[in-house]
PDB file of all heavy atoms in Angstrom:
ATOM      1  N   ALA A   1      -3.590 -16.502  -1.202  1.00  0.00           N
ATOM      2  CA  ALA A   1      -4.752 -16.008  -1.901  1.00  0.00           C
ATOM      3  C   ALA A   1      -5.982 -16.477  -1.071  1.00  0.00           C
ATOM      4  O   ALA A   1      -6.964 -15.705  -0.955  1.00  0.00           O
ATOM      5  CB  ALA A   1      -4.796 -16.442  -3.357  1.00  0.00           C
ATOM      6  N   ARG A   2      -5.972 -17.734  -0.583  1.00  0.00           N
ATOM      7  CA  ARG A   2      -7.091 -18.293   0.175  1.00  0.00           C
ATOM      8  C   ARG A   2      -7.268 -17.509   1.489  1.00  0.00           C
ATOM      9  O   ARG A   2      -8.360 -17.226   2.003  1.00  0.00           O
ATOM     10  CB  ARG A   2      -6.907 -19.780   0.397  1.00  0.00           C
ATOM     11  CG  ARG A   2      -7.144 -20.464  -0.891  1.00  0.00           C
ATOM     12  CD  ARG A   2      -6.934 -22.015  -0.611  1.00  0.00           C
ATOM     13  NE  ARG A   2      -7.169 -22.696  -1.879  1.00  0.00           N
ATOM     14  CZ  ARG A   2      -6.739 -23.999  -2.124  1.00  0.00           C
ATOM     15  NH1 ARG A   2      -5.945 -24.574  -1.250  1.00  0.00           N
ATOM     16  NH2 ARG A   2      -6.973 -24.481  -3.217  1.00  0.00           N
ATOM     17  N   ILE A   3      -6.119 -17.227   2.145  1.00  0.00           N
ATOM     18  CA  ILE A   3      -6.227 -16.476   3.344  1.00  0.00           C
ATOM     19  C   ILE A   3      -6.822 -14.997   3.094  1.00  0.00           C
ATOM     20  O   ILE A   3      -7.667 -14.624   4.002  1.00  0.00           O
ATOM     21  CB  ILE A   3      -4.756 -16.340   3.943  1.00  0.00           C
ATOM     22  CG1 ILE A   3      -4.266 -17.567   4.420  1.00  0.00           C
ATOM     23  CG2 ILE A   3      -4.701 -15.088   4.941  1.00  0.00           C
ATOM     24  CD1 ILE A   3      -2.835 -17.628   4.786  1.00  0.00           C
ATOM     25  N   ASN A   4      -6.431 -14.437   1.956  1.00  0.00           N
ATOM     26  CA  ASN A   4      -6.976 -13.129   1.645  1.00  0.00           C
ATOM     27  C   ASN A   4      -8.391 -13.160   1.283  1.00  0.00           C
ATOM     28  O   ASN A   4      -9.169 -12.407   1.777  1.00  0.00           O
ATOM     29  CB  ASN A   4      -6.228 -12.481   0.571  1.00  0.00           C
ATOM     30  CG  ASN A   4      -4.883 -11.994   0.999  1.00  0.00           C
ATOM     31  OD1 ASN A   4      -4.645 -11.606   2.144  1.00  0.00           O
ATOM     32  ND2 ASN A   4      -3.864 -11.989   0.008  1.00  0.00           N
ATOM     33  N   GLU A   5      -8.856 -14.296   0.665  1.00  0.00           N
ATOM     34  CA  GLU A   5     -10.386 -14.602   0.359  1.00  0.00           C
ATOM     35  C   GLU A   5     -11.066 -14.674   1.573  1.00  0.00           C
ATOM     36  O   GLU A   5     -12.242 -14.106   1.709  1.00  0.00           O
ATOM     37  CB  GLU A   5     -10.455 -15.684  -0.481  1.00  0.00           C
ATOM     38  CG  GLU A   5     -10.055 -15.539  -2.014  1.00  0.00           C
ATOM     39  CD  GLU A   5     -10.114 -16.736  -2.816  1.00  0.00           C
ATOM     40  OE1 GLU A   5     -10.864 -17.562  -2.422  1.00  0.00           O
ATOM     41  OE2 GLU A   5      -9.292 -16.931  -3.732  1.00  0.00           O
ATOM     42  N   ARG A   6     -10.473 -15.374   2.604  1.00  0.00           N
ATOM     43  CA  ARG A   6     -11.377 -15.671   3.856  1.00  0.00           C
ATOM     44  C   ARG A   6     -11.492 -14.374   4.692  1.00  0.00           C
ATOM     45  O   ARG A   6     -12.532 -14.221   5.345  1.00  0.00           O
ATOM     46  CB  ARG A   6     -10.594 -16.815   4.665  1.00  0.00           C
ATOM     47  CG  ARG A   6     -10.806 -18.128   4.296  1.00  0.00           C
ATOM     48  CD  ARG A   6     -10.303 -19.075   5.239  1.00  0.00           C
ATOM     49  NE  ARG A   6      -8.934 -19.197   5.517  1.00  0.00           N
ATOM     50  CZ  ARG A   6      -7.994 -19.868   4.952  1.00  0.00           C
ATOM     51  NH1 ARG A   6      -8.309 -20.663   4.055  1.00  0.00           N
ATOM     52  NH2 ARG A   6      -6.656 -19.618   5.291  1.00  0.00           N
ATOM     53  N   SER A   7     -10.298 -13.545   4.607  1.00  0.00           N
ATOM     54  CA  SER A   7     -10.379 -12.296   5.322  1.00  0.00           C
ATOM     55  C   SER A   7     -10.681 -12.501   6.846  1.00  0.00           C
ATOM     56  O   SER A   7     -11.499 -11.614   7.360  1.00  0.00           O
ATOM     57  CB  SER A   7     -11.377 -11.384   4.617  1.00  0.00           C
ATOM     58  OG  SER A   7     -11.048 -10.015   5.056  1.00  0.00           O
ATOM     59  N   ARG A   8      -9.920 -13.437   7.456  1.00  0.00           N
ATOM     60  CA  ARG A   8     -10.199 -13.531   8.893  1.00  0.00           C
ATOM     61  C   ARG A   8      -9.287 -12.747   9.674  1.00  0.00           C
ATOM     62  O   ARG A   8      -8.010 -12.625   9.312  1.00  0.00           O
ATOM     63  CB  ARG A   8      -9.898 -15.054   9.270  1.00  0.00           C
ATOM     64  CG  ARG A   8     -10.978 -16.100   8.700  1.00  0.00           C
ATOM     65  CD  ARG A   8     -10.504 -17.397   9.138  1.00  0.00           C
ATOM     66  NE  ARG A   8     -11.472 -18.298   8.390  1.00  0.00           N
ATOM     67  CZ  ARG A   8     -11.093 -19.639   8.306  1.00  0.00           C
ATOM     68  NH1 ARG A   8     -10.037 -20.187   8.652  1.00  0.00           N
ATOM     69  NH2 ARG A   8     -11.999 -20.533   7.699  1.00  0.00           N
ATOM     70  N   LYS A   9      -9.871 -12.090  10.659  1.00  0.00           N
ATOM     71  CA  LYS A   9      -8.915 -11.177  11.429  1.00  0.00           C
ATOM     72  C   LYS A   9      -7.655 -11.841  11.916  1.00  0.00           C
ATOM     73  O   LYS A   9      -6.614 -11.245  11.839  1.00  0.00           O
ATOM     74  CB  LYS A   9      -9.659 -10.554  12.585  1.00  0.00           C
ATOM     75  CG  LYS A   9      -9.083  -9.618  13.521  1.00  0.00           C
ATOM     76  CD  LYS A   9      -9.839  -8.960  14.535  1.00  0.00           C
ATOM     77  CE  LYS A   9      -9.032  -8.159  15.479  1.00  0.00           C
ATOM     78  NZ  LYS A   9      -9.692  -7.749  16.603  1.00  0.00           N
ATOM     79  N   GLU A  10      -7.877 -13.081  12.486  1.00  0.00           N
ATOM     80  CA  GLU A  10      -6.720 -13.788  13.012  1.00  0.00           C
ATOM     81  C   GLU A  10      -5.628 -14.221  12.130  1.00  0.00           C
ATOM     82  O   GLU A  10      -4.674 -14.619  12.498  1.00  0.00           O
ATOM     83  CB  GLU A  10      -7.211 -15.032  13.845  1.00  0.00           C
ATOM     84  CG  GLU A  10      -7.878 -16.047  13.049  1.00  0.00           C
ATOM     85  CD  GLU A  10      -9.464 -15.683  12.907  1.00  0.00           C
ATOM     86  OE1 GLU A  10      -9.966 -14.709  13.241  1.00  0.00           O
ATOM     87  OE2 GLU A  10      -9.989 -16.690  12.498  1.00  0.00           O
ATOM     88  N   GLU A  11      -5.981 -14.145  10.838  1.00  0.00           N
ATOM     89  CA  GLU A  11      -5.029 -14.512   9.783  1.00  0.00           C
ATOM     90  C   GLU A  11      -4.514 -13.332   9.089  1.00  0.00           C
ATOM     91  O   GLU A  11      -3.623 -13.344   8.136  1.00  0.00           O
ATOM     92  CB  GLU A  11      -5.611 -15.388   8.788  1.00  0.00           C
ATOM     93  CG  GLU A  11      -6.228 -16.731   9.191  1.00  0.00           C
ATOM     94  CD  GLU A  11      -6.795 -17.652   8.178  1.00  0.00           C
ATOM     95  OE1 GLU A  11      -7.396 -17.049   7.254  1.00  0.00           O
ATOM     96  OE2 GLU A  11      -6.775 -18.860   8.342  1.00  0.00           O
ATOM     97  N   SER A  12      -4.761 -12.063   9.502  1.00  0.00           N
ATOM     98  CA  SER A  12      -4.468 -10.870   8.715  1.00  0.00           C
ATOM     99  C   SER A  12      -2.992 -10.481   8.724  1.00  0.00           C
ATOM    100  O   SER A  12      -2.448  -9.801   7.852  1.00  0.00           O
ATOM    101  CB  SER A  12      -5.231  -9.642   9.355  1.00  0.00           C
ATOM    102  OG  SER A  12      -4.879  -9.437  10.690  1.00  0.00           O
ATOM    103  N   LYS A  13      -2.200 -11.043   9.648  1.00  0.00           N
ATOM    104  CA  LYS A  13      -0.743 -10.819   9.807  1.00  0.00           C
ATOM    105  C   LYS A  13       0.119 -11.775   9.158  1.00  0.00           C
ATOM    106  O   LYS A  13       1.252 -11.742   9.251  1.00  0.00           O
ATOM    107  CB  LYS A  13      -0.427 -10.484  11.184  1.00  0.00           C
ATOM    108  CG  LYS A  13      -1.191  -9.226  11.683  1.00  0.00           C
ATOM    109  CD  LYS A  13      -0.464  -8.643  12.963  1.00  0.00           C
ATOM    110  CE  LYS A  13      -1.425  -7.655  13.515  1.00  0.00           C
ATOM    111  NZ  LYS A  13      -0.974  -6.330  13.634  1.00  0.00           N
ATOM    112  N   ILE A  14      -0.423 -12.761   8.490  1.00  0.00           N
ATOM    113  CA  ILE A  14       0.220 -13.966   7.812  1.00  0.00           C
ATOM    114  C   ILE A  14       0.830 -13.315   6.572  1.00  0.00           C
ATOM    115  O   ILE A  14       0.132 -12.843   5.643  1.00  0.00           O
ATOM    116  CB  ILE A  14      -0.531 -15.133   7.633  1.00  0.00           C
ATOM    117  CG1 ILE A  14      -1.078 -15.700   8.969  1.00  0.00           C
ATOM    118  CG2 ILE A  14       0.282 -16.155   6.892  1.00  0.00           C
ATOM    119  CD1 ILE A  14      -2.043 -16.948   8.846  1.00  0.00           C
ATOM    120  N   SER A  15       2.129 -13.386   6.562  1.00  0.00           N
ATOM    121  CA  SER A  15       2.891 -12.911   5.328  1.00  0.00           C
ATOM    122  C   SER A  15       3.049 -13.859   4.302  1.00  0.00           C
ATOM    123  O   SER A  15       3.249 -15.089   4.542  1.00  0.00           O
ATOM    124  CB  SER A  15       4.107 -12.152   5.660  1.00  0.00           C
ATOM    125  OG  SER A  15       5.065 -13.153   6.066  1.00  0.00           O
ATOM    126  N   ILE A  16       3.334 -13.532   3.180  1.00  0.00           N
ATOM    127  CA  ILE A  16       3.747 -14.584   2.018  1.00  0.00           C
ATOM    128  C   ILE A  16       5.117 -14.990   2.311  1.00  0.00           C
ATOM    129  O   ILE A  16       5.397 -16.206   2.117  1.00  0.00           O
ATOM    130  CB  ILE A  16       3.618 -13.892   0.562  1.00  0.00           C
ATOM    131  CG1 ILE A  16       3.911 -14.883  -0.504  1.00  0.00           C
ATOM    132  CG2 ILE A  16       4.677 -12.670   0.410  1.00  0.00           C
ATOM    133  CD1 ILE A  16       2.749 -15.942  -0.701  1.00  0.00           C
ATOM    134  N   GLU A  17       5.962 -14.291   2.946  1.00  0.00           N
ATOM    135  CA  GLU A  17       7.281 -14.722   3.323  1.00  0.00           C
ATOM    136  C   GLU A  17       7.179 -15.916   4.320  1.00  0.00           C
ATOM    137  O   GLU A  17       7.940 -16.943   4.237  1.00  0.00           O
ATOM    138  CB  GLU A  17       8.208 -13.683   3.945  1.00  0.00           C
ATOM    139  CG  GLU A  17       8.502 -12.594   2.844  1.00  0.00           C
ATOM    140  CD  GLU A  17       7.512 -11.576   2.636  1.00  0.00           C
ATOM    141  OE1 GLU A  17       6.448 -11.474   3.471  1.00  0.00           O
ATOM    142  OE2 GLU A  17       7.408 -10.902   1.507  1.00  0.00           O
ATOM    143  N   TYR A  18       6.374 -15.759   5.329  1.00  0.00           N
ATOM    144  CA  TYR A  18       6.069 -16.785   6.235  1.00  0.00           C
ATOM    145  C   TYR A  18       5.579 -18.080   5.551  1.00  0.00           C
ATOM    146  O   TYR A  18       6.040 -19.131   5.818  1.00  0.00           O
ATOM    147  CB  TYR A  18       5.122 -16.367   7.351  1.00  0.00           C
ATOM    148  CG  TYR A  18       4.632 -17.538   8.248  1.00  0.00           C
ATOM    149  CD1 TYR A  18       5.545 -18.019   9.138  1.00  0.00           C
ATOM    150  CD2 TYR A  18       3.448 -18.105   8.163  1.00  0.00           C
ATOM    151  CE1 TYR A  18       5.147 -18.965  10.047  1.00  0.00           C
ATOM    152  CE2 TYR A  18       2.988 -19.083   9.046  1.00  0.00           C
ATOM    153  CZ  TYR A  18       3.877 -19.589   9.856  1.00  0.00           C
ATOM    154  OH  TYR A  18       3.464 -20.532  10.762  1.00  0.00           O
ATOM    155  N   LEU A  19       4.544 -17.918   4.623  1.00  0.00           N
ATOM    156  CA  LEU A  19       4.103 -19.016   3.919  1.00  0.00           C
ATOM    157  C   LEU A  19       5.131 -19.796   3.034  1.00  0.00           C
ATOM    158  O   LEU A  19       5.156 -20.943   2.957  1.00  0.00           O
ATOM    159  CB  LEU A  19       2.799 -18.642   3.106  1.00  0.00           C
ATOM    160  CG  LEU A  19       1.728 -18.131   3.865  1.00  0.00           C
ATOM    161  CD1 LEU A  19       0.542 -17.624   2.985  1.00  0.00           C
ATOM    162  CD2 LEU A  19       1.137 -19.223   4.789  1.00  0.00           C
ATOM    163  N   LYS A  20       5.958 -18.939   2.495  1.00  0.00           N
ATOM    164  CA  LYS A  20       7.052 -19.641   1.675  1.00  0.00           C
ATOM    165  C   LYS A  20       7.994 -20.336   2.508  1.00  0.00           C
ATOM    166  O   LYS A  20       8.516 -21.491   2.083  1.00  0.00           O
ATOM    167  CB  LYS A  20       7.843 -18.444   0.920  1.00  0.00           C
ATOM    168  CG  LYS A  20       7.086 -17.942  -0.272  1.00  0.00           C
ATOM    169  CD  LYS A  20       7.842 -16.794  -0.984  1.00  0.00           C
ATOM    170  CE  LYS A  20       6.996 -16.262  -2.081  1.00  0.00           C
ATOM    171  NZ  LYS A  20       7.640 -15.151  -2.750  1.00  0.00           N
ATOM    172  N   GLU A  21       8.326 -19.945   3.760  1.00  0.00           N
ATOM    173  CA  GLU A  21       9.237 -20.658   4.633  1.00  0.00           C
ATOM    174  C   GLU A  21       8.571 -21.922   5.070  1.00  0.00           C
ATOM    175  O   GLU A  21       9.150 -22.944   5.261  1.00  0.00           O
ATOM    176  CB  GLU A  21       9.621 -19.676   5.768  1.00  0.00           C
ATOM    177  CG  GLU A  21      10.749 -18.629   5.464  1.00  0.00           C
ATOM    178  CD  GLU A  21      12.013 -19.303   4.922  1.00  0.00           C
ATOM    179  OE1 GLU A  21      12.525 -20.292   5.587  1.00  0.00           O
ATOM    180  OE2 GLU A  21      12.596 -18.775   3.918  1.00  0.00           O
ATOM    181  N   LEU A  22       7.312 -21.834   5.442  1.00  0.00           N
ATOM    182  CA  LEU A  22       6.533 -22.871   5.847  1.00  0.00           C
ATOM    183  C   LEU A  22       6.413 -23.922   4.844  1.00  0.00           C
ATOM    184  O   LEU A  22       6.623 -25.187   5.051  1.00  0.00           O
ATOM    185  CB  LEU A  22       5.160 -22.327   6.319  1.00  0.00           C
ATOM    186  CG  LEU A  22       4.330 -23.400   7.188  1.00  0.00           C
ATOM    187  CD1 LEU A  22       4.915 -23.839   8.537  1.00  0.00           C
ATOM    188  CD2 LEU A  22       2.995 -22.622   7.530  1.00  0.00           C
ATOM    189  N   HIS A  23       6.255 -23.531   3.654  1.00  0.00           N
ATOM    190  CA  HIS A  23       6.108 -24.511   2.498  1.00  0.00           C
ATOM    191  C   HIS A  23       7.392 -25.185   2.217  1.00  0.00           C
ATOM    192  O   HIS A  23       7.419 -26.351   2.145  1.00  0.00           O
ATOM    193  CB  HIS A  23       5.649 -23.706   1.198  1.00  0.00           C
ATOM    194  CG  HIS A  23       5.683 -24.635  -0.079  1.00  0.00           C
ATOM    195  ND1 HIS A  23       4.665 -25.552  -0.199  1.00  0.00           N
ATOM    196  CD2 HIS A  23       6.430 -24.572  -1.025  1.00  0.00           C
ATOM    197  CE1 HIS A  23       4.803 -26.152  -1.390  1.00  0.00           C
ATOM    198  NE2 HIS A  23       5.931 -25.637  -1.896  1.00  0.00           N
ATOM    199  N   LYS A  24       8.544 -24.404   2.321  1.00  0.00           N
ATOM    200  CA  LYS A  24       9.798 -25.022   2.227  1.00  0.00           C
ATOM    201  C   LYS A  24      10.158 -26.137   3.279  1.00  0.00           C
ATOM    202  O   LYS A  24      10.566 -27.262   2.972  1.00  0.00           O
ATOM    203  CB  LYS A  24      10.922 -23.810   2.259  1.00  0.00           C
ATOM    204  CG  LYS A  24      12.255 -24.315   2.003  1.00  0.00           C
ATOM    205  CD  LYS A  24      13.303 -23.247   1.861  1.00  0.00           C
ATOM    206  CE  LYS A  24      13.661 -22.746   3.393  1.00  0.00           C
ATOM    207  NZ  LYS A  24      14.747 -21.741   3.380  1.00  0.00           N
ATOM    208  N   ARG A  25       9.591 -25.840   4.423  1.00  0.00           N
ATOM    209  CA  ARG A  25       9.855 -26.802   5.580  1.00  0.00           C
ATOM    210  C   ARG A  25       8.943 -28.001   5.381  1.00  0.00           C
ATOM    211  O   ARG A  25       9.324 -29.187   5.482  1.00  0.00           O
ATOM    212  CB  ARG A  25       9.464 -26.118   6.782  1.00  0.00           C
ATOM    213  CG  ARG A  25       9.756 -26.927   8.049  1.00  0.00           C
ATOM    214  CD  ARG A  25      11.176 -26.870   8.507  1.00  0.00           C
ATOM    215  NE  ARG A  25      11.599 -25.483   8.744  1.00  0.00           N
ATOM    216  CZ  ARG A  25      12.738 -25.226   9.232  1.00  0.00           C
ATOM    217  NH1 ARG A  25      13.663 -26.030   9.521  1.00  0.00           N
ATOM    218  NH2 ARG A  25      13.150 -23.940   9.270  1.00  0.00           N
ATOM    219  N   HIS A  26       7.703 -27.884   4.930  1.00  0.00           N
ATOM    220  CA  HIS A  26       6.826 -28.959   4.675  1.00  0.00           C
ATOM    221  C   HIS A  26       7.400 -29.811   3.455  1.00  0.00           C
ATOM    222  O   HIS A  26       7.373 -31.105   3.517  1.00  0.00           O
ATOM    223  CB  HIS A  26       5.453 -28.489   4.269  1.00  0.00           C
ATOM    224  CG  HIS A  26       4.557 -28.237   5.429  1.00  0.00           C
ATOM    225  ND1 HIS A  26       4.603 -27.106   6.082  1.00  0.00           N
ATOM    226  CD2 HIS A  26       3.583 -29.037   5.938  1.00  0.00           C
ATOM    227  CE1 HIS A  26       3.700 -27.031   7.047  1.00  0.00           C
ATOM    228  NE2 HIS A  26       3.159 -28.208   7.005  1.00  0.00           N
ATOM    229  N   GLU A  27       7.969 -29.205   2.479  1.00  0.00           N
ATOM    230  CA  GLU A  27       8.515 -29.981   1.330  1.00  0.00           C
ATOM    231  C   GLU A  27       9.679 -30.783   1.880  1.00  0.00           C
ATOM    232  O   GLU A  27       9.888 -31.978   1.346  1.00  0.00           O
ATOM    233  CB  GLU A  27       8.991 -28.973   0.331  1.00  0.00           C
ATOM    234  CG  GLU A  27       7.809 -28.287  -0.481  1.00  0.00           C
ATOM    235  CD  GLU A  27       7.141 -29.212  -1.352  1.00  0.00           C
ATOM    236  OE1 GLU A  27       7.555 -29.758  -2.340  1.00  0.00           O
ATOM    237  OE2 GLU A  27       5.792 -29.327  -1.124  1.00  0.00           O
ATOM    238  N   GLU A  28      10.557 -30.273   2.645  1.00  0.00           N
ATOM    239  CA  GLU A  28      11.688 -30.904   3.326  1.00  0.00           C
ATOM    240  C   GLU A  28      11.223 -32.055   4.051  1.00  0.00           C
ATOM    241  O   GLU A  28      11.774 -33.113   3.929  1.00  0.00           O
ATOM    242  CB  GLU A  28      12.477 -29.873   4.090  1.00  0.00           C
ATOM    243  CG  GLU A  28      13.646 -30.518   4.724  1.00  0.00           C
ATOM    244  CD  GLU A  28      14.366 -29.498   5.657  1.00  0.00           C
ATOM    245  OE1 GLU A  28      14.775 -28.408   5.292  1.00  0.00           O
ATOM    246  OE2 GLU A  28      14.521 -29.914   6.887  1.00  0.00           O
ATOM    247  N   VAL A  29      10.314 -31.778   4.961  1.00  0.00           N
ATOM    248  CA  VAL A  29       9.923 -32.941   5.857  1.00  0.00           C
ATOM    249  C   VAL A  29       9.019 -33.971   5.200  1.00  0.00           C
ATOM    250  O   VAL A  29       9.342 -35.257   5.353  1.00  0.00           O
ATOM    251  CB  VAL A  29       9.055 -32.372   7.110  1.00  0.00           C
ATOM    252  CG1 VAL A  29       8.435 -33.387   7.893  1.00  0.00           C
ATOM    253  CG2 VAL A  29       9.881 -31.416   7.918  1.00  0.00           C
ATOM    254  N   PHE A  30       8.112 -33.643   4.277  1.00  0.00           N
ATOM    255  CA  PHE A  30       7.187 -34.653   3.825  1.00  0.00           C
ATOM    256  C   PHE A  30       7.475 -35.157   2.431  1.00  0.00           C
ATOM    257  O   PHE A  30       6.967 -36.110   1.838  1.00  0.00           O
ATOM    258  CB  PHE A  30       5.860 -34.073   3.796  1.00  0.00           C
ATOM    259  CG  PHE A  30       5.313 -33.858   5.308  1.00  0.00           C
ATOM    260  CD1 PHE A  30       4.951 -32.646   5.562  1.00  0.00           C
ATOM    261  CD2 PHE A  30       5.110 -34.927   6.076  1.00  0.00           C
ATOM    262  CE1 PHE A  30       4.554 -32.280   6.884  1.00  0.00           C
ATOM    263  CE2 PHE A  30       4.593 -34.729   7.258  1.00  0.00           C
ATOM    264  CZ  PHE A  30       4.275 -33.506   7.816  1.00  0.00           C
TER     265      PHE A  30
END
């Protein structure tokens, strides 16, 4: 939601699936 609010061109291709995988990895590591 924050990525969409910022509406930055360089973030436009970030998918929710990528964020879910990234979150899973952060939870595992930290």
